[in-house]
Amino acid sequence: YTKWNGKAADTIDRKKAEGIVQDGTEAAQDTLWVMLREYMELCYPVAASIDPLHEAASGLMTHLAYSVIGAREVTLEKGVLRMVRLRNPHGFSRWTQRWSDESDARE
């Protein structure tokens, strides 16, 4: 999936390198989830960042890359909840919302 753009540029087409785009088509959420779970099982290093347009809604910071340290599915009465556990390797700011270490939702 990696596309190198000449010796001078030495850049990677990240969407292809990360498997998000295959043959010009963006992968569906279900496909991306399967890939993430597979990569986690193979112990590949995985990182995630947030689109600046979604920073306020997510509670994450756009200028950071987070380590993905877990991906799980939780069965609920109304379906399945897909959860991703992130680590902030930069050591500042802490998730304090639902599903944080102190959240009652984890019980």
C-alpha atoms as a PDB file:
ATOM      1  CA  TYR A   1       0.000   0.000   0.000  1.00  0.00           C
ATOM      2  CA  THR A   2       2.982   2.350   0.314  1.00  0.00           C
ATOM      3  CA  LYS A   3       3.465   4.799  -2.536  1.00  0.00           C
ATOM      4  CA  TRP A   4       6.817   6.569  -2.785  1.00  0.00           C
ATOM      5  CA  ASN A   5       6.912   9.808  -4.767  1.00  0.00           C
ATOM      6  CA  GLY A   6      10.439   9.991  -6.187  1.00  0.00           C
ATOM      7  CA  LYS A   7      13.832  10.419  -4.564  1.00  0.00           C
ATOM      8  CA  ALA A   8      13.541  14.188  -4.126  1.00  0.00           C
ATOM      9  CA  ALA A   9      10.191  14.110  -2.346  1.00  0.00           C
ATOM     10  CA  ASP A  10      10.746  10.942  -0.269  1.00  0.00           C
ATOM     11  CA  THR A  11       7.181  11.138   0.957  1.00  0.00           C
ATOM     12  CA  ILE A  12       4.605   8.485   1.665  1.00  0.00           C
ATOM     13  CA  ASP A  13       0.989   8.579   0.585  1.00  0.00           C
ATOM     14  CA  ARG A  14      -0.213   7.968   4.157  1.00  0.00           C
ATOM     15  CA  LYS A  15      -3.727   6.855   3.280  1.00  0.00           C
ATOM     16  CA  LYS A  16      -2.355   4.092   1.078  1.00  0.00           C
ATOM     17  CA  ALA A  17       0.433   3.230   3.525  1.00  0.00           C
ATOM     18  CA  GLU A  18      -2.063   2.893   6.348  1.00  0.00           C
ATOM     19  CA  GLY A  19      -4.522   0.877   4.307  1.00  0.00           C
ATOM     20  CA  ILE A  20      -7.263   3.501   4.500  1.00  0.00           C
ATOM     21  CA  VAL A  21      -7.392   3.883   0.714  1.00  0.00           C
ATOM     22  CA  GLN A  22      -7.154   0.883  -1.583  1.00  0.00           C
ATOM     23  CA  ASP A  23      -7.392   1.285  -5.351  1.00  0.00           C
ATOM     24  CA  GLY A  24      -8.604   4.865  -4.898  1.00  0.00           C
ATOM     25  CA  THR A  25     -11.512   3.877  -2.647  1.00  0.00           C
ATOM     26  CA  GLU A  26     -11.641   4.811   1.028  1.00  0.00           C
ATOM     27  CA  ALA A  27     -12.131   1.776   3.262  1.00  0.00           C
ATOM     28  CA  ALA A  28     -15.486   1.435   4.995  1.00  0.00           C
ATOM     29  CA  GLN A  29     -15.655   1.662   8.801  1.00  0.00           C
ATOM     30  CA  ASP A  30     -16.236  -2.097   9.116  1.00  0.00           C
ATOM     31  CA  THR A  31     -13.182  -2.834   6.961  1.00  0.00           C
ATOM     32  CA  LEU A  32     -11.063  -0.399   8.931  1.00  0.00           C
ATOM     33  CA  TRP A  33     -12.212  -1.995  12.211  1.00  0.00           C
ATOM     34  CA  VAL A  34     -11.263  -5.483  10.990  1.00  0.00           C
ATOM     35  CA  MET A  35      -7.841  -4.171   9.931  1.00  0.00           C
ATOM     36  CA  LEU A  36      -7.328  -2.472  13.297  1.00  0.00           C
ATOM     37  CA  ARG A  37      -8.225  -5.620  15.228  1.00  0.00           C
ATOM     38  CA  GLU A  38      -5.916  -7.698  13.021  1.00  0.00           C
ATOM     39  CA  TYR A  39      -3.022  -5.268  13.494  1.00  0.00           C
ATOM     40  CA  MET A  40      -3.555  -5.289  17.256  1.00  0.00           C
ATOM     41  CA  GLU A  41      -3.520  -9.110  17.328  1.00  0.00           C
ATOM     42  CA  LEU A  42      -0.271  -9.112  15.336  1.00  0.00           C
ATOM     43  CA  CYS A  43       1.215  -6.606  17.833  1.00  0.00           C
ATOM     44  CA  TYR A  44       1.847  -4.024  15.115  1.00  0.00           C
ATOM     45  CA  PRO A  45       2.457  -0.503  16.410  1.00  0.00           C
ATOM     46  CA  VAL A  46      -0.683   1.519  15.695  1.00  0.00           C
ATOM     47  CA  ALA A  47      -1.225   5.257  16.156  1.00  0.00           C
ATOM     48  CA  ALA A  48      -4.223   7.533  15.726  1.00  0.00           C
ATOM     49  CA  SER A  49      -4.878  11.243  15.442  1.00  0.00           C
ATOM     50  CA  ILE A  50      -8.018  13.347  15.193  1.00  0.00           C
ATOM     51  CA  ASP A  51      -9.283  15.484  12.331  1.00  0.00           C
ATOM     52  CA  PRO A  52      -9.240  19.163  13.412  1.00  0.00           C
ATOM     53  CA  LEU A  53     -12.929  19.442  12.462  1.00  0.00           C
ATOM     54  CA  HIS A  54     -13.812  16.931  15.194  1.00  0.00           C
ATOM     55  CA  GLU A  55     -11.527  18.113  17.997  1.00  0.00           C
ATOM     56  CA  ALA A  56     -14.235  19.675  20.179  1.00  0.00           C
ATOM     57  CA  ALA A  57     -16.569  16.678  19.912  1.00  0.00           C
ATOM     58  CA  SER A  58     -13.836  14.111  20.565  1.00  0.00           C
ATOM     59  CA  GLY A  59     -11.991  15.650  23.496  1.00  0.00           C
ATOM     60  CA  LEU A  60      -8.683  14.757  21.836  1.00  0.00           C
ATOM     61  CA  MET A  61      -6.010  17.197  20.664  1.00  0.00           C
ATOM     62  CA  THR A  62      -5.348  17.559  16.947  1.00  0.00           C
ATOM     63  CA  HIS A  63      -1.604  18.208  17.237  1.00  0.00           C
ATOM     64  CA  LEU A  64      -0.911  14.858  18.950  1.00  0.00           C
ATOM     65  CA  ALA A  65      -0.615  11.289  17.759  1.00  0.00           C
ATOM     66  CA  TYR A  66      -1.976   8.749  20.232  1.00  0.00           C
ATOM     67  CA  SER A  67      -0.780   5.164  20.632  1.00  0.00           C
ATOM     68  CA  VAL A  68      -3.586   2.655  20.096  1.00  0.00           C
ATOM     69  CA  ILE A  69      -3.164   0.097  22.877  1.00  0.00           C
ATOM     70  CA  GLY A  70      -6.438  -1.776  22.600  1.00  0.00           C
ATOM     71  CA  ALA A  71      -9.509  -2.357  20.444  1.00  0.00           C
ATOM     72  CA  ARG A  72     -12.501  -4.225  21.839  1.00  0.00           C
ATOM     73  CA  GLU A  73     -16.126  -4.883  21.091  1.00  0.00           C
ATOM     74  CA  VAL A  74     -18.617  -4.746  23.945  1.00  0.00           C
ATOM     75  CA  THR A  75     -21.976  -6.420  23.433  1.00  0.00           C
ATOM     76  CA  LEU A  76     -24.922  -4.309  24.542  1.00  0.00           C
ATOM     77  CA  GLU A  77     -28.663  -4.915  24.499  1.00  0.00           C
ATOM     78  CA  LYS A  78     -28.992  -2.736  21.395  1.00  0.00           C
ATOM     79  CA  GLY A  79     -25.934  -3.974  19.508  1.00  0.00           C
ATOM     80  CA  VAL A  80     -22.161  -3.811  19.734  1.00  0.00           C
ATOM     81  CA  LEU A  81     -20.047  -0.915  20.994  1.00  0.00           C
ATOM     82  CA  ARG A  82     -16.604  -0.661  19.410  1.00  0.00           C
ATOM     83  CA  MET A  83     -14.051   0.792  21.797  1.00  0.00           C
ATOM     84  CA  VAL A  84     -10.483   1.891  21.177  1.00  0.00           C
ATOM     85  CA  ARG A  85      -8.090   2.501  24.040  1.00  0.00           C
ATOM     86  CA  LEU A  86      -5.584   5.270  23.412  1.00  0.00           C
ATOM     87  CA  ARG A  87      -2.431   6.253  25.243  1.00  0.00           C
ATOM     88  CA  ASN A  88      -1.183   9.805  25.243  1.00  0.00           C
ATOM     89  CA  PRO A  89       2.592   9.314  24.888  1.00  0.00           C
ATOM     90  CA  HIS A  90       3.194  13.024  25.408  1.00  0.00           C
ATOM     91  CA  GLY A  91       2.170  12.851  29.055  1.00  0.00           C
ATOM     92  CA  PHE A  92       0.036  15.960  29.302  1.00  0.00           C
ATOM     93  CA  SER A  93      -3.729  16.229  29.382  1.00  0.00           C
ATOM     94  CA  ARG A  94      -5.856  13.325  30.480  1.00  0.00           C
ATOM     95  CA  TRP A  95      -9.163  11.927  29.275  1.00  0.00           C
ATOM     96  CA  THR A  96     -11.725  12.520  32.023  1.00  0.00           C
ATOM     97  CA  GLN A  97     -14.975  11.844  30.194  1.00  0.00           C
ATOM     98  CA  ARG A  98     -17.032   8.669  29.929  1.00  0.00           C
ATOM     99  CA  TRP A  99     -14.927   5.472  29.879  1.00  0.00           C
ATOM    100  CA  SER A 100     -11.946   7.228  31.482  1.00  0.00           C
ATOM    101  CA  ASP A 101     -10.073   5.419  34.259  1.00  0.00           C
ATOM    102  CA  GLU A 102     -12.273   7.108  36.871  1.00  0.00           C
ATOM    103  CA  SER A 103     -15.584   6.746  34.980  1.00  0.00           C
ATOM    104  CA  ASP A 104     -18.480   4.748  36.443  1.00  0.00           C
ATOM    105  CA  ALA A 105     -19.190   3.456  32.919  1.00  0.00           C
ATOM    106  CA  ARG A 106     -16.242   1.046  33.253  1.00  0.00           C
ATOM    107  CA  GLU A 107     -17.962  -0.929  36.035  1.00  0.00           C
END
